């Protein structure tokens, strides 16, 4: 049985101080229900890195994908680095 494709998000690396984990800050735009004004909301996702996490500098644009749990809080993994 085929499983549905995994979610992918694009965000900026906010921290790379952990071993094999980076924190990715993802931005989304919401609309206020009453005033219909658009505003930005940010959420941080810890993401697993297979290689050295120091290759991702703070501010790099990356693509993360849902995956198996790597630890108590890490459920995403870095797929690729997008040009800055």
PDB file of N, CA and C in Angstrom:
ATOM      1  N   UNK A   1       0.844  -1.179   0.000  1.00  0.00           N
ATOM      2  CA  UNK A   1       0.000   0.000   0.000  1.00  0.00           C
ATOM      3  C   UNK A   1       0.891   1.245   0.000  1.00  0.00           C
ATOM      4  N   UNK A   2       0.627   2.173  -0.902  1.00  0.00           N
ATOM      5  CA  UNK A   2       1.426   3.387  -0.995  1.00  0.00           C
ATOM      6  C   UNK A   2       1.006   4.386   0.063  1.00  0.00           C
ATOM      7  N   UNK A   3       2.003   4.963   0.744  1.00  0.00           N
ATOM      8  CA  UNK A   3       1.698   5.987   1.726  1.00  0.00           C
ATOM      9  C   UNK A   3       1.690   7.347   1.040  1.00  0.00           C
ATOM     10  N   UNK A   4       0.932   8.310   1.587  1.00  0.00           N
ATOM     11  CA  UNK A   4       0.928   9.630   0.972  1.00  0.00           C
ATOM     12  C   UNK A   4       2.302  10.278   1.089  1.00  0.00           C
ATOM     13  N   UNK A   5       2.588  11.207   0.178  1.00  0.00           N
ATOM     14  CA  UNK A   5       3.893  11.850   0.199  1.00  0.00           C
ATOM     15  C   UNK A   5       4.066  12.647   1.487  1.00  0.00           C
ATOM     16  N   UNK A   6       5.306  12.775   1.904  1.00  0.00           N
ATOM     17  CA  UNK A   6       5.595  13.461   3.154  1.00  0.00           C
ATOM     18  C   UNK A   6       5.593  14.963   2.938  1.00  0.00           C
ATOM     19  N   UNK A   7       5.241  15.708   3.992  1.00  0.00           N
ATOM     20  CA  UNK A   7       5.220  17.166   3.904  1.00  0.00           C
ATOM     21  C   UNK A   7       6.643  17.696   3.792  1.00  0.00           C
ATOM     22  N   UNK A   8       6.793  18.745   3.005  1.00  0.00           N
ATOM     23  CA  UNK A   8       8.083  19.423   2.874  1.00  0.00           C
ATOM     24  C   UNK A   8       7.879  20.899   3.152  1.00  0.00           C
ATOM     25  N   UNK A   9       8.824  21.490   3.890  1.00  0.00           N
ATOM     26  CA  UNK A   9       8.775  22.899   4.230  1.00  0.00           C
ATOM     27  C   UNK A   9      10.104  23.551   3.857  1.00  0.00           C
ATOM     28  N   UNK A  10      10.060  24.843   3.553  1.00  0.00           N
ATOM     29  CA  UNK A  10      11.267  25.606   3.253  1.00  0.00           C
ATOM     30  C   UNK A  10      11.439  26.641   4.348  1.00  0.00           C
ATOM     31  N   UNK A  11      12.667  26.724   4.875  1.00  0.00           N
ATOM     32  CA  UNK A  11      12.924  27.679   5.938  1.00  0.00           C
ATOM     33  C   UNK A  11      14.391  28.044   6.017  1.00  0.00           C
ATOM     34  N   UNK A  12      14.713  28.885   7.000  1.00  0.00           N
ATOM     35  CA  UNK A  12      16.074  29.345   7.212  1.00  0.00           C
ATOM     36  C   UNK A  12      16.660  28.679   8.451  1.00  0.00           C
ATOM     37  N   UNK A  13      17.941  28.343   8.392  1.00  0.00           N
ATOM     38  CA  UNK A  13      18.619  27.746   9.539  1.00  0.00           C
ATOM     39  C   UNK A  13      18.774  28.819  10.611  1.00  0.00           C
ATOM     40  N   UNK A  14      18.245  28.543  11.803  1.00  0.00           N
ATOM     41  CA  UNK A  14      18.321  29.490  12.916  1.00  0.00           C
ATOM     42  C   UNK A  14      19.435  29.122  13.884  1.00  0.00           C
ATOM     43  N   UNK A  15      19.785  27.817  13.963  1.00  0.00           N
ATOM     44  CA  UNK A  15      20.836  27.378  14.867  1.00  0.00           C
ATOM     45  C   UNK A  15      21.448  26.096  14.335  1.00  0.00           C
ATOM     46  N   UNK A  16      22.781  25.959  14.506  1.00  0.00           N
ATOM     47  CA  UNK A  16      23.467  24.737  14.074  1.00  0.00           C
ATOM     48  C   UNK A  16      24.424  24.254  15.154  1.00  0.00           C
ATOM     49  N   UNK A  17      24.074  24.468  16.408  1.00  0.00           N
ATOM     50  CA  UNK A  17      24.992  24.182  17.507  1.00  0.00           C
ATOM     51  C   UNK A  17      24.912  22.747  18.030  1.00  0.00           C
ATOM     52  N   UNK A  18      23.922  21.966  17.614  1.00  0.00           N
ATOM     53  CA  UNK A  18      23.780  20.602  18.102  1.00  0.00           C
ATOM     54  C   UNK A  18      24.442  19.614  17.150  1.00  0.00           C
ATOM     55  N   UNK A  19      24.702  18.401  17.648  1.00  0.00           N
ATOM     56  CA  UNK A  19      25.273  17.354  16.815  1.00  0.00           C
ATOM     57  C   UNK A  19      24.178  16.744  15.949  1.00  0.00           C
ATOM     58  N   UNK A  20      24.353  16.801  14.642  1.00  0.00           N
ATOM     59  CA  UNK A  20      23.436  16.208  13.656  1.00  0.00           C
ATOM     60  C   UNK A  20      22.027  16.780  13.726  1.00  0.00           C
ATOM     61  N   UNK A  21      21.870  17.975  14.261  1.00  0.00           N
ATOM     62  CA  UNK A  21      20.558  18.623  14.304  1.00  0.00           C
ATOM     63  C   UNK A  21      20.721  20.113  14.061  1.00  0.00           C
ATOM     64  N   UNK A  22      19.823  20.672  13.237  1.00  0.00           N
ATOM     65  CA  UNK A  22      19.757  22.117  13.053  1.00  0.00           C
ATOM     66  C   UNK A  22      18.329  22.564  13.363  1.00  0.00           C
ATOM     67  N   UNK A  23      18.181  23.824  13.763  1.00  0.00           N
ATOM     68  CA  UNK A  23      16.864  24.393  13.997  1.00  0.00           C
ATOM     69  C   UNK A  23      16.504  25.212  12.764  1.00  0.00           C
ATOM     70  N   UNK A  24      15.337  24.919  12.170  1.00  0.00           N
ATOM     71  CA  UNK A  24      14.904  25.590  10.947  1.00  0.00           C
ATOM     72  C   UNK A  24      13.681  26.451  11.275  1.00  0.00           C
ATOM     73  N   UNK A  25      13.748  27.730  10.886  1.00  0.00           N
ATOM     74  CA  UNK A  25      12.666  28.682  11.141  1.00  0.00           C
ATOM     75  C   UNK A  25      11.835  28.809   9.877  1.00  0.00           C
ATOM     76  N   UNK A  26      10.556  28.408   9.953  1.00  0.00           N
ATOM     77  CA  UNK A  26       9.665  28.395   8.797  1.00  0.00           C
ATOM     78  C   UNK A  26       8.645  29.526   8.944  1.00  0.00           C
ATOM     79  N   UNK A  27       8.467  30.276   7.875  1.00  0.00           N
ATOM     80  CA  UNK A  27       7.544  31.413   7.873  1.00  0.00           C
ATOM     81  C   UNK A  27       6.273  31.032   7.128  1.00  0.00           C
ATOM     82  N   UNK A  28       5.115  31.423   7.676  1.00  0.00           N
ATOM     83  CA  UNK A  28       3.855  31.245   6.969  1.00  0.00           C
ATOM     84  C   UNK A  28       3.039  32.524   7.105  1.00  0.00           C
ATOM     85  N   UNK A  29       2.121  32.737   6.177  1.00  0.00           N
ATOM     86  CA  UNK A  29       1.292  33.934   6.174  1.00  0.00           C
ATOM     87  C   UNK A  29      -0.128  33.526   6.522  1.00  0.00           C
ATOM     88  N   UNK A  30      -0.715  34.214   7.504  1.00  0.00           N
ATOM     89  CA  UNK A  30      -2.099  33.964   7.896  1.00  0.00           C
ATOM     90  C   UNK A  30      -2.919  35.219   7.653  1.00  0.00           C
ATOM     91  N   UNK A  31      -4.234  35.048   7.606  1.00  0.00           N
ATOM     92  CA  UNK A  31      -5.146  36.164   7.425  1.00  0.00           C
ATOM     93  C   UNK A  31      -6.029  36.254   8.651  1.00  0.00           C
ATOM     94  N   UNK A  32      -6.136  37.453   9.221  1.00  0.00           N
ATOM     95  CA  UNK A  32      -6.974  37.651  10.402  1.00  0.00           C
ATOM     96  C   UNK A  32      -8.436  37.435  10.017  1.00  0.00           C
ATOM     97  N   UNK A  33      -9.200  36.674  10.819  1.00  0.00           N
ATOM     98  CA  UNK A  33     -10.570  36.333  10.417  1.00  0.00           C
ATOM     99  C   UNK A  33     -11.524  37.542  10.346  1.00  0.00           C
ATOM    100  N   UNK A  34     -11.321  38.532  11.207  1.00  0.00           N
ATOM    101  CA  UNK A  34     -12.234  39.677  11.216  1.00  0.00           C
ATOM    102  C   UNK A  34     -11.732  40.824  10.354  1.00  0.00           C
ATOM    103  N   UNK A  35     -10.448  41.165  10.505  1.00  0.00           N
ATOM    104  CA  UNK A  35      -9.929  42.362   9.845  1.00  0.00           C
ATOM    105  C   UNK A  35      -9.288  42.076   8.493  1.00  0.00           C
ATOM    106  N   UNK A  36      -9.140  40.805   8.138  1.00  0.00           N
ATOM    107  CA  UNK A  36      -8.615  40.389   6.829  1.00  0.00           C
ATOM    108  C   UNK A  36      -7.226  40.949   6.534  1.00  0.00           C
ATOM    109  N   UNK A  37      -6.457  41.185   7.566  1.00  0.00           N
ATOM    110  CA  UNK A  37      -5.088  41.658   7.381  1.00  0.00           C
ATOM    111  C   UNK A  37      -4.168  40.444   7.379  1.00  0.00           C
ATOM    112  N   UNK A  38      -3.175  40.462   6.492  1.00  0.00           N
ATOM    113  CA  UNK A  38      -2.201  39.375   6.435  1.00  0.00           C
ATOM    114  C   UNK A  38      -1.082  39.653   7.416  1.00  0.00           C
ATOM    115  N   UNK A  39      -0.615  38.598   8.081  1.00  0.00           N
ATOM    116  CA  UNK A  39       0.509  38.731   9.001  1.00  0.00           C
ATOM    117  C   UNK A  39       1.332  37.464   8.961  1.00  0.00           C
ATOM    118  N   UNK A  40       2.626  37.609   9.305  1.00  0.00           N
ATOM    119  CA  UNK A  40       3.547  36.487   9.253  1.00  0.00           C
ATOM    120  C   UNK A  40       3.591  35.779  10.600  1.00  0.00           C
ATOM    121  N   UNK A  41       3.691  34.464  10.537  1.00  0.00           N
ATOM    122  CA  UNK A  41       3.845  33.634  11.718  1.00  0.00           C
ATOM    123  C   UNK A  41       5.074  32.762  11.496  1.00  0.00           C
ATOM    124  N   UNK A  42       5.905  32.617  12.529  1.00  0.00           N
ATOM    125  CA  UNK A  42       7.115  31.818  12.427  1.00  0.00           C
ATOM    126  C   UNK A  42       7.023  30.629  13.362  1.00  0.00           C
ATOM    127  N   UNK A  43       7.572  29.491  12.928  1.00  0.00           N
ATOM    128  CA  UNK A  43       7.639  28.308  13.772  1.00  0.00           C
ATOM    129  C   UNK A  43       9.002  27.662  13.574  1.00  0.00           C
ATOM    130  N   UNK A  44       9.567  27.141  14.661  1.00  0.00           N
ATOM    131  CA  UNK A  44      10.888  26.521  14.591  1.00  0.00           C
ATOM    132  C   UNK A  44      10.747  25.004  14.641  1.00  0.00           C
ATOM    133  N   UNK A  45      11.470  24.326  13.739  1.00  0.00           N
ATOM    134  CA  UNK A  45      11.462  22.874  13.668  1.00  0.00           C
ATOM    135  C   UNK A  45      12.882  22.347  13.845  1.00  0.00           C
ATOM    136  N   UNK A  46      13.130  21.438  14.808  1.00  0.00           N
ATOM    137  CA  UNK A  46      14.426  20.768  14.847  1.00  0.00           C
ATOM    138  C   UNK A  46      14.471  19.725  13.732  1.00  0.00           C
ATOM    139  N   UNK A  47      15.561  19.715  12.965  1.00  0.00           N
ATOM    140  CA  UNK A  47      15.667  18.808  11.826  1.00  0.00           C
ATOM    141  C   UNK A  47      16.997  18.066  11.878  1.00  0.00           C
ATOM    142  N   UNK A  48      16.947  16.776  11.556  1.00  0.00           N
ATOM    143  CA  UNK A  48      18.136  15.925  11.569  1.00  0.00           C
ATOM    144  C   UNK A  48      18.972  16.161  10.318  1.00  0.00           C
ATOM    145  N   UNK A  49      20.295  16.146  10.495  1.00  0.00           N
ATOM    146  CA  UNK A  49      21.240  16.293   9.384  1.00  0.00           C
ATOM    147  C   UNK A  49      22.086  15.029   9.339  1.00  0.00           C
ATOM    148  N   UNK A  50      22.133  14.359   8.172  1.00  0.00           N
ATOM    149  CA  UNK A  50      22.920  13.132   8.051  1.00  0.00           C
ATOM    150  C   UNK A  50      24.412  13.424   8.079  1.00  0.00           C
ATOM    151  N   UNK A  51      24.821  14.528   7.446  1.00  0.00           N
ATOM    152  CA  UNK A  51      26.238  14.875   7.405  1.00  0.00           C
ATOM    153  C   UNK A  51      26.557  15.831   8.553  1.00  0.00           C
ATOM    154  N   UNK A  52      27.650  16.564   8.422  1.00  0.00           N
ATOM    155  CA  UNK A  52      28.077  17.495   9.458  1.00  0.00           C
ATOM    156  C   UNK A  52      27.140  18.704   9.495  1.00  0.00           C
ATOM    157  N   UNK A  53      26.555  19.048  10.658  1.00  0.00           N
ATOM    158  CA  UNK A  53      25.640  20.194  10.715  1.00  0.00           C
ATOM    159  C   UNK A  53      26.344  21.529  10.522  1.00  0.00           C
ATOM    160  N   UNK A  54      27.680  21.562  10.638  1.00  0.00           N
ATOM    161  CA  UNK A  54      28.405  22.814  10.454  1.00  0.00           C
ATOM    162  C   UNK A  54      28.443  23.245   8.992  1.00  0.00           C
ATOM    163  N   UNK A  55      28.057  22.361   8.054  1.00  0.00           N
ATOM    164  CA  UNK A  55      28.019  22.767   6.655  1.00  0.00           C
ATOM    165  C   UNK A  55      26.831  23.687   6.385  1.00  0.00           C
ATOM    166  N   UNK A  56      25.869  23.724   7.308  1.00  0.00           N
ATOM    167  CA  UNK A  56      24.727  24.634   7.202  1.00  0.00           C
ATOM    168  C   UNK A  56      24.982  25.821   8.109  1.00  0.00           C
ATOM    169  N   UNK A  57      25.209  26.984   7.494  1.00  0.00           N
ATOM    170  CA  UNK A  57      25.444  28.193   8.270  1.00  0.00           C
ATOM    171  C   UNK A  57      24.104  28.826   8.646  1.00  0.00           C
ATOM    172  N   UNK A  58      24.129  29.655   9.674  1.00  0.00           N
ATOM    173  CA  UNK A  58      22.908  30.349  10.080  1.00  0.00           C
ATOM    174  C   UNK A  58      22.485  31.272   8.944  1.00  0.00           C
ATOM    175  N   UNK A  59      21.213  31.182   8.560  1.00  0.00           N
ATOM    176  CA  UNK A  59      20.695  31.988   7.456  1.00  0.00           C
ATOM    177  C   UNK A  59      20.580  31.236   6.151  1.00  0.00           C
ATOM    178  N   UNK A  60      21.108  30.014   6.076  1.00  0.00           N
ATOM    179  CA  UNK A  60      20.988  29.219   4.850  1.00  0.00           C
ATOM    180  C   UNK A  60      19.544  28.774   4.647  1.00  0.00           C
ATOM    181  N   UNK A  61      19.109  28.756   3.403  1.00  0.00           N
ATOM    182  CA  UNK A  61      17.764  28.304   3.068  1.00  0.00           C
ATOM    183  C   UNK A  61      17.805  26.805   2.815  1.00  0.00           C
ATOM    184  N   UNK A  62      16.954  26.036   3.508  1.00  0.00           N
ATOM    185  CA  UNK A  62      16.959  24.584   3.380  1.00  0.00           C
ATOM    186  C   UNK A  62      15.535  24.062   3.204  1.00  0.00           C
ATOM    187  N   UNK A  63      15.441  22.845   2.683  1.00  0.00           N
ATOM    188  CA  UNK A  63      14.176  22.134   2.554  1.00  0.00           C
ATOM    189  C   UNK A  63      14.191  21.004   3.569  1.00  0.00           C
ATOM    190  N   UNK A  64      13.135  20.926   4.403  1.00  0.00           N
ATOM    191  CA  UNK A  64      13.026  19.833   5.374  1.00  0.00           C
ATOM    192  C   UNK A  64      11.809  18.992   5.036  1.00  0.00           C
ATOM    193  N   UNK A  65      11.864  17.714   5.450  1.00  0.00           N
ATOM    194  CA  UNK A  65      10.804  16.762   5.136  1.00  0.00           C
ATOM    195  C   UNK A  65      10.461  15.960   6.381  1.00  0.00           C
ATOM    196  N   UNK A  66       9.206  15.609   6.512  1.00  0.00           N
ATOM    197  CA  UNK A  66       8.777  14.752   7.620  1.00  0.00           C
ATOM    198  C   UNK A  66       9.505  13.418   7.554  1.00  0.00           C
ATOM    199  N   UNK A  67       9.795  12.842   8.712  1.00  0.00           N
ATOM    200  CA  UNK A  67      10.488  11.558   8.724  1.00  0.00           C
ATOM    201  C   UNK A  67      10.164  10.820  10.009  1.00  0.00           C
ATOM    202  N   UNK A  68      10.864   9.724  10.200  1.00  0.00           N
ATOM    203  CA  UNK A  68      10.706   8.953  11.432  1.00  0.00           C
ATOM    204  C   UNK A  68      11.221   9.774  12.612  1.00  0.00           C
ATOM    205  N   UNK A  69      10.811   9.479  13.828  1.00  0.00           N
ATOM    206  CA  UNK A  69      11.351  10.203  14.976  1.00  0.00           C
ATOM    207  C   UNK A  69      12.817   9.836  15.207  1.00  0.00           C
ATOM    208  N   UNK A  70      13.676  10.848  15.238  1.00  0.00           N
ATOM    209  CA  UNK A  70      15.086  10.639  15.534  1.00  0.00           C
ATOM    210  C   UNK A  70      15.349  10.760  17.028  1.00  0.00           C
ATOM    211  N   UNK A  71      14.525  11.524  17.726  1.00  0.00           N
ATOM    212  CA  UNK A  71      14.629  11.667  19.176  1.00  0.00           C
ATOM    213  C   UNK A  71      13.271  12.136  19.686  1.00  0.00           C
ATOM    214  N   UNK A  72      13.243  12.596  20.921  1.00  0.00           N
ATOM    215  CA  UNK A  72      11.988  13.036  21.523  1.00  0.00           C
ATOM    216  C   UNK A  72      11.365  14.215  20.772  1.00  0.00           C
ATOM    217  N   UNK A  73      12.187  15.119  20.248  1.00  0.00           N
ATOM    218  CA  UNK A  73      11.659  16.325  19.613  1.00  0.00           C
ATOM    219  C   UNK A  73      11.927  16.417  18.115  1.00  0.00           C
ATOM    220  N   UNK A  74      12.773  15.557  17.560  1.00  0.00           N
ATOM    221  CA  UNK A  74      13.186  15.688  16.156  1.00  0.00           C
ATOM    222  C   UNK A  74      12.402  14.709  15.287  1.00  0.00           C
ATOM    223  N   UNK A  75      11.519  15.274  14.402  1.00  0.00           N
ATOM    224  CA  UNK A  75      10.699  14.466  13.502  1.00  0.00           C
ATOM    225  C   UNK A  75      10.875  14.874  12.049  1.00  0.00           C
ATOM    226  N   UNK A  76      11.820  15.764  11.777  1.00  0.00           N
ATOM    227  CA  UNK A  76      12.068  16.269  10.432  1.00  0.00           C
ATOM    228  C   UNK A  76      13.515  16.001  10.069  1.00  0.00           C
ATOM    229  N   UNK A  77      13.826  15.986   8.766  1.00  0.00           N
ATOM    230  CA  UNK A  77      15.211  15.861   8.338  1.00  0.00           C
ATOM    231  C   UNK A  77      15.460  16.809   7.182  1.00  0.00           C
ATOM    232  N   UNK A  78      16.701  17.268   7.088  1.00  0.00           N
ATOM    233  CA  UNK A  78      17.073  18.206   6.032  1.00  0.00           C
ATOM    234  C   UNK A  78      17.280  17.428   4.741  1.00  0.00           C
ATOM    235  N   UNK A  79      16.599  17.874   3.681  1.00  0.00           N
ATOM    236  CA  UNK A  79      16.690  17.212   2.385  1.00  0.00           C
ATOM    237  C   UNK A  79      17.795  17.848   1.541  1.00  0.00           C
ATOM    238  N   UNK A  80      17.745  19.168   1.396  1.00  0.00           N
ATOM    239  CA  UNK A  80      18.708  19.839   0.535  1.00  0.00           C
ATOM    240  C   UNK A  80      18.869  21.289   0.971  1.00  0.00           C
ATOM    241  N   UNK A  81      19.971  21.862   0.491  1.00  0.00           N
ATOM    242  CA  UNK A  81      20.284  23.270   0.735  1.00  0.00           C
ATOM    243  C   UNK A  81      19.937  24.047  -0.522  1.00  0.00           C
ATOM    244  N   UNK A  82      19.127  25.086  -0.380  1.00  0.00           N
ATOM    245  CA  UNK A  82      18.715  25.929  -1.505  1.00  0.00           C
ATOM    246  C   UNK A  82      19.661  27.130  -1.515  1.00  0.00           C
ATOM    247  N   UNK A  83      19.874  27.704  -2.678  1.00  0.00           N
ATOM    248  CA  UNK A  83      20.760  28.865  -2.762  1.00  0.00           C
ATOM    249  C   UNK A  83      20.273  29.965  -1.846  1.00  0.00           C
ATOM    250  N   UNK A  84      21.238  30.681  -1.242  1.00  0.00           N
ATOM    251  CA  UNK A  84      20.917  31.746  -0.286  1.00  0.00           C
ATOM    252  C   UNK A  84      20.110  32.838  -0.913  1.00  0.00           C
TER     253      UNK A  84
END
